[in-house]
Protein backbone atom coordinates (compact mmCIF):
# COMPACT_ATOMS: atom_id res chain seq x y z
CA MET A 1 33.43 -5.69 -84.52
CA MET A 2 31.06 -5.05 -87.43
CA THR A 3 28.87 -1.96 -87.22
CA SER A 4 25.69 -4.06 -87.01
CA ALA A 5 26.99 -5.83 -83.89
CA VAL A 6 28.10 -2.51 -82.40
CA ILE A 7 24.67 -0.99 -82.96
CA ALA A 8 22.90 -4.07 -81.58
CA ALA A 9 25.05 -3.94 -78.44
CA ARG A 10 24.39 -0.23 -78.08
CA VAL A 11 20.62 -0.71 -78.38
CA ALA A 12 20.79 -3.47 -75.77
CA GLU A 13 22.46 -1.03 -73.35
CA TYR A 14 19.40 1.24 -73.61
CA ALA A 15 17.01 -1.69 -73.00
CA PRO A 16 14.06 -0.09 -74.86
CA ALA A 17 10.66 -1.03 -73.42
CA SER A 18 8.58 -0.59 -76.59
CA VAL A 19 8.78 -0.36 -80.37
CA LEU A 20 8.60 3.44 -80.10
CA GLU A 21 11.44 3.58 -77.59
CA GLN A 22 13.49 1.35 -79.87
CA GLU A 23 12.92 3.77 -82.76
CA ASN A 24 14.04 6.67 -80.56
CA VAL A 25 17.14 4.73 -79.53
CA LEU A 26 18.08 3.89 -83.12
CA GLN A 27 17.58 7.54 -84.11
CA GLU A 28 19.89 8.56 -81.26
CA VAL A 29 22.56 6.02 -82.21
CA LEU A 30 22.59 7.43 -85.75
CA GLN A 31 22.79 10.97 -84.36
CA GLN A 32 25.95 9.98 -82.51
CA TYR A 33 27.57 8.63 -85.67
CA VAL A 34 26.72 11.90 -87.42
CA LEU A 35 28.11 14.04 -84.58
CA CYS A 36 31.38 12.12 -84.63
CA ALA A 37 31.65 12.62 -88.38
CA LEU A 38 30.91 16.34 -88.03
CA GLY A 39 33.66 16.52 -85.42
CA SER A 40 36.11 14.85 -87.79
CA ALA A 41 35.08 17.34 -90.49
CA GLY A 42 35.98 20.28 -88.25
CA LEU A 43 32.52 21.73 -87.61
CA PHE A 44 33.22 22.42 -83.94
CA ALA A 45 36.02 24.83 -84.74
CA HIS A 46 33.25 27.16 -85.94
CA ALA A 47 30.02 26.02 -84.28
CA LEU A 48 28.45 25.12 -80.94
CA PHE A 49 26.22 22.11 -80.39
CA HIS A 50 23.05 23.08 -78.47
CA GLY A 51 19.38 22.22 -78.09
CA GLY A 52 17.51 19.17 -76.83
CA THR A 53 19.79 16.53 -78.35
CA CYS A 54 22.77 18.25 -76.74
CA LEU A 55 21.02 18.27 -73.36
CA ARG A 56 20.36 14.54 -73.68
CA LEU A 57 23.66 13.28 -75.08
CA ILE A 58 25.97 15.59 -73.13
CA HIS A 59 24.04 16.40 -69.95
CA GLY A 60 21.92 13.30 -69.44
CA MET A 61 18.41 14.71 -69.89
CA ASN A 62 15.91 11.86 -70.10
CA ARG A 63 13.85 12.78 -73.17
CA PHE A 64 14.75 11.82 -76.70
CA SER A 65 15.24 14.44 -79.39
CA GLU A 66 15.00 14.42 -83.19
CA ASP A 67 17.32 17.13 -84.50
CA LEU A 68 20.94 18.28 -84.30
CA ASP A 69 21.07 22.02 -83.65
CA PHE A 70 24.10 24.30 -83.87
CA LEU A 71 25.05 27.96 -83.45
CA LEU A 72 28.03 29.52 -85.18
CA LYS A 73 30.56 31.06 -82.80
CA LYS A 74 30.63 34.15 -85.02
CA PRO A 75 28.10 35.28 -87.64
CA ASP A 76 29.01 33.99 -91.09
CA ALA A 77 26.57 34.38 -93.97
CA ARG A 78 28.85 32.24 -96.17
CA PHE A 79 28.39 29.07 -94.10
CA ALA A 80 27.37 26.06 -96.22
CA TRP A 81 26.43 22.53 -95.20
CA LYS A 82 27.70 20.95 -98.42
CA PRO A 83 31.27 20.02 -97.38
CA TYR A 84 30.11 18.73 -93.99
CA LEU A 85 27.38 16.59 -95.54
CA ALA A 86 29.91 15.05 -97.92
CA ALA A 87 32.23 14.27 -95.00
CA VAL A 88 29.41 12.70 -92.97
CA ARG A 89 28.31 10.51 -95.86
CA LYS A 90 31.87 9.34 -96.50
CA GLU A 91 32.67 8.51 -92.88
CA CYS A 92 29.35 6.81 -92.20
CA ARG A 93 29.53 4.83 -95.44
CA ALA A 94 32.77 3.32 -94.13
CA GLU A 95 30.71 2.07 -91.16
CA GLY A 96 28.05 0.57 -93.43
CA ILE A 97 25.56 3.39 -92.88
CA GLU A 98 24.39 4.97 -96.14
CA PHE A 99 22.91 8.45 -95.83
CA ASP A 100 21.09 10.45 -98.47
CA ALA A 101 21.86 14.13 -97.93
CA ILE A 102 19.48 16.95 -98.78
CA ASP A 103 20.73 20.52 -98.39
CA ARG A 104 17.75 22.79 -97.77
CA ALA A 105 19.82 25.85 -96.92
CA ASN A 106 18.43 29.18 -98.03
CA VAL A 107 21.08 31.89 -98.26
CA ASP A 108 18.39 34.50 -97.54
CA THR A 109 17.73 33.10 -94.05
CA ALA A 110 20.06 32.91 -91.06
CA VAL A 111 19.08 29.34 -90.12
CA ARG A 112 20.54 26.87 -92.64
CA LYS A 113 18.88 23.43 -92.74
CA ALA A 114 19.94 20.07 -94.12
CA PHE A 115 18.60 16.53 -93.81
CA LEU A 116 20.23 13.13 -93.63
CA LYS A 117 18.07 10.11 -94.41
CA THR A 118 18.83 6.41 -94.22
CA ASP A 119 17.12 3.03 -94.26
CA SER A 120 20.43 1.26 -93.62
CA ILE A 121 19.20 -0.15 -90.32
CA GLY A 122 16.47 -2.02 -92.16
CA THR A 123 18.34 -3.06 -95.30
CA LEU A 124 22.13 -2.90 -95.18
CA LEU A 125 22.76 -3.67 -91.53
CA GLU A 126 21.38 -6.89 -90.13
CA VAL A 127 20.92 -5.65 -86.61
CA SER A 128 19.43 -7.93 -83.99
CA LEU A 129 16.80 -5.82 -82.21
CA PRO A 130 14.45 -6.48 -79.26
CA PHE A 131 11.40 -5.47 -81.33
CA GLU A 132 10.56 -6.05 -84.98
CA ARG A 133 10.46 -2.91 -87.11
CA LEU A 134 9.39 -2.01 -90.60
CA PRO A 135 12.48 -2.66 -92.74
CA ARG A 136 11.85 0.20 -95.16
CA ARG A 137 11.16 2.88 -92.56
CA LYS A 138 13.72 5.63 -93.00
CA PHE A 139 15.35 7.60 -90.24
CA ARG A 140 15.64 11.34 -90.83
CA ILE A 141 18.07 13.60 -89.00
CA LYS A 142 17.60 17.33 -89.44
CA LEU A 143 20.65 19.57 -89.10
CA GLU A 144 20.13 23.25 -88.32
CA VAL A 145 22.75 25.94 -87.83
CA ASP A 146 22.09 29.57 -86.93
CA THR A 147 24.56 31.60 -88.99
CA ASN A 148 23.63 34.83 -87.19
CA PRO A 149 23.25 33.66 -83.57
CA PRO A 150 22.29 35.82 -80.59
CA ALA A 151 25.34 37.52 -79.15
CA GLY A 152 26.98 36.48 -75.92
CA SER A 153 26.79 32.68 -75.71
CA SER A 154 29.51 31.06 -73.66
CA PHE A 155 30.72 27.60 -74.56
CA GLU A 156 32.82 24.70 -73.37
CA THR A 157 34.41 21.49 -74.59
CA SER A 158 32.36 18.34 -73.99
CA TYR A 159 32.95 14.75 -75.06
CA LEU A 160 30.87 12.15 -76.84
CA ALA A 161 31.89 8.60 -75.95
CA PHE A 162 30.06 6.65 -78.69
CA PRO A 163 30.86 5.45 -81.33
CA ARG A 164 34.29 6.80 -80.38
CA LEU A 165 35.61 9.48 -78.04
CA THR A 166 34.98 12.80 -79.80
CA PRO A 167 35.39 16.37 -78.46
CA LEU A 168 32.48 18.69 -79.17
CA THR A 169 32.11 22.41 -78.57
CA THR A 170 28.81 22.92 -76.71
CA GLN A 171 26.82 25.91 -75.58
CA SER A 172 27.03 26.40 -71.81
CA LEU A 173 23.93 25.56 -69.80
CA PRO A 174 23.20 29.18 -68.70
CA SER A 175 23.41 30.35 -72.33
CA SER A 176 21.36 27.34 -73.41
CA PHE A 177 18.65 28.18 -70.88
CA GLY A 178 18.59 31.75 -72.19
CA THR A 179 17.93 30.56 -75.75
CA LYS A 180 15.35 28.06 -74.47
CA ILE A 181 13.39 30.81 -72.70
CA HIS A 182 13.43 32.74 -75.97
CA ALA A 183 11.80 29.71 -77.65
CA LEU A 184 9.24 29.40 -74.84
CA LEU A 185 8.24 33.05 -75.23
CA CYS A 186 8.41 33.38 -79.01
CA ARG A 187 7.56 30.04 -80.60
CA THR A 188 4.28 30.35 -82.50
CA TYR A 189 3.19 26.72 -82.02
CA VAL A 190 2.89 24.31 -79.10
CA LYS A 191 6.02 22.27 -78.40
CA GLY A 192 5.82 20.23 -75.23
CA ARG A 193 9.50 19.34 -75.50
CA ASP A 194 10.37 22.95 -74.66
CA TRP A 195 8.48 22.64 -71.39
CA TYR A 196 10.13 19.33 -70.56
CA ASP A 197 13.46 21.10 -70.98
CA PHE A 198 12.27 24.01 -68.82
CA GLN A 199 11.48 21.72 -65.89
CA TRP A 200 14.86 20.01 -66.39
CA TYR A 201 16.70 23.35 -66.11
CA ALA A 202 14.57 24.24 -63.07
CA ALA A 203 15.39 20.95 -61.35
CA LYS A 204 19.11 21.51 -61.99
CA GLY A 205 18.99 25.05 -60.60
CA ILE A 206 20.47 26.46 -63.81
CA ALA A 207 20.51 30.26 -64.00
CA PRO A 208 19.60 31.51 -67.49
CA ASP A 209 21.90 34.02 -69.14
CA LEU A 210 19.65 37.04 -69.61
CA HIS A 211 22.16 38.76 -71.88
CA VAL A 212 21.77 35.93 -74.40
CA LEU A 213 17.98 36.00 -73.94
CA ALA A 214 17.83 39.77 -74.53
CA SER A 215 19.98 39.44 -77.64
CA ALA A 216 17.70 36.70 -79.00
CA LEU A 217 14.56 38.72 -78.22
CA ARG A 218 15.94 41.69 -80.16
CA GLN A 219 16.56 39.45 -83.17
CA GLN A 220 13.30 37.54 -83.49
CA GLY A 221 9.80 37.47 -82.03
CA PRO A 222 7.28 40.00 -80.66
CA TRP A 223 10.04 42.10 -79.06
CA ALA A 224 12.30 42.22 -82.15
CA ARG A 225 14.34 45.41 -82.60
CA ARG A 226 13.20 46.76 -79.23
CA ARG A 227 15.70 47.68 -76.56
CA MET A 228 14.41 46.91 -73.09
CA ARG A 229 15.53 45.73 -69.70
CA VAL A 230 15.25 41.97 -69.55
CA THR A 231 15.12 41.36 -65.81
CA PRO A 232 14.13 38.28 -63.81
CA ALA A 233 10.87 40.03 -62.87
CA TRP A 234 10.03 40.78 -66.52
CA CYS A 235 10.91 37.26 -67.52
CA ALA A 236 8.81 35.74 -64.72
CA GLU A 237 5.82 37.83 -65.75
CA GLN A 238 6.07 36.84 -69.42
CA LEU A 239 6.61 33.14 -68.70
CA ALA A 240 3.71 33.07 -66.22
CA ALA A 241 1.41 34.60 -68.85
CA ARG A 242 2.57 32.00 -71.36
CA ILE A 243 1.98 29.15 -68.90
CA ARG A 244 -1.56 30.36 -68.20
CA ASP A 245 -2.34 30.58 -71.91
CA LEU A 246 -1.17 27.12 -73.04
CA ASP A 247 -3.29 24.15 -74.13
CA TRP A 248 -1.78 21.69 -71.67
CA PRO A 249 -3.34 18.51 -73.17
CA ALA A 250 -1.66 19.48 -76.48
CA VAL A 251 1.62 20.11 -74.67
CA ARG A 252 1.46 16.64 -73.10
CA ARG A 253 0.65 14.98 -76.42
CA ASP A 254 3.64 16.58 -78.12
CA VAL A 255 6.19 15.37 -75.59
CA GLN A 256 4.76 11.93 -74.80
CA ARG A 257 6.48 9.97 -77.56
CA PHE A 258 9.88 11.37 -76.63
CA ILE A 259 10.03 10.17 -73.04
CA PRO A 260 10.42 6.63 -71.63
CA LEU A 261 7.31 4.64 -70.75
CA ASN A 262 8.14 4.66 -67.04
CA GLU A 263 8.18 8.47 -67.00
CA GLN A 264 4.94 9.05 -68.91
CA PRO A 265 2.59 8.79 -65.88
CA ALA A 266 4.23 11.97 -64.56
CA LEU A 267 2.67 13.88 -67.46
CA ALA A 268 -0.64 13.76 -65.56
CA VAL A 269 0.59 16.65 -63.39
CA TRP A 270 1.53 18.82 -66.37
CA ARG A 271 -0.90 21.67 -65.77
CA GLU A 272 -0.73 25.38 -65.17
CA ASP A 273 -0.20 25.10 -61.42
CA TYR A 274 2.69 22.63 -61.80
CA PHE A 275 4.63 24.83 -64.20
CA LEU A 276 3.98 27.98 -62.18
CA THR A 277 5.58 26.09 -59.29
CA GLN A 278 8.55 25.20 -61.50
CA LEU A 279 8.79 28.84 -62.53
CA GLY A 280 8.99 29.76 -58.85
CA ARG A 281 12.03 27.52 -58.41
CA VAL A 282 14.18 29.76 -60.59
CA MET A 283 12.60 33.17 -59.98
CA PRO A 284 14.00 35.07 -57.00
CA CYS A 285 11.25 37.65 -57.49
CA SER A 286 8.61 35.00 -56.73
CA GLY A 287 9.52 35.01 -53.07
CA LYS A 288 10.78 31.44 -53.25
CA LYS A 289 14.38 30.41 -53.13
CA GLY A 290 15.78 30.01 -56.64
CA ALA A 291 18.92 30.25 -58.73
CA ASN A 292 20.85 33.51 -59.01
CA TRP A 293 20.04 34.76 -62.47
CA SER A 294 22.74 36.16 -64.71
CA ARG A 295 22.86 39.92 -64.93
CA HIS A 296 20.20 41.48 -67.15
CA ALA A 297 21.07 42.99 -70.52
């Protein structure tokens, strides 16, 4: 079956309810082609897939995500995207998907970035879609890898089923929650997607790995290079302060375009009291029943 027919069938499986949802679906389909190509190129011998796109594609979280995020298993300042980008372009070209690759890696920073851009959906592939789209609109997929990741992440083998069965090495959910809490505490701008992920972990009863969190806090943010006891009580206090300080209308606006139309009415309850309740679901020190947190660092 030609790639255009495969993509059209895949989009139909999602049944997008709007033009925006269709754009999110197409972005996600392209992400899956890229992940398969990265697997063929051997990236997962050295790196873990993590972040929001991992939570969606591997664990079924309901929000869409823009980027592909990775952590190296071991620090390696020599890591370069160049050979992987070449492999992705070659494999995807064979499927009729032409990517432009831009390597934005800076050897002086631990996080190495690259971008893949394509307008193949609008020009090369004649895909039958539920909604009309602008033919020259390009899709952009950002790749990020942390070449000096926080110590202690555990990982596992997961599988991507589309466009073909591909094994991926993924960060475990407790370790992933630990790095997510680091982002919640240390990110300098509002990102509602982080809080969507937080409520997802809370609903699943995932216990964050505090060793990974402590390692990340020592590396970057207000607590960098400080040794301290990262306990559930400390974490609860810091997260509660963050929740009380947020601009919740801005948080809702950030996440809105990444979730399905039928879920968007639930954003009306996204306020301080709602997230303090979610915090209580995973904090034993709150007096409510919650997950057993991993041992503090």
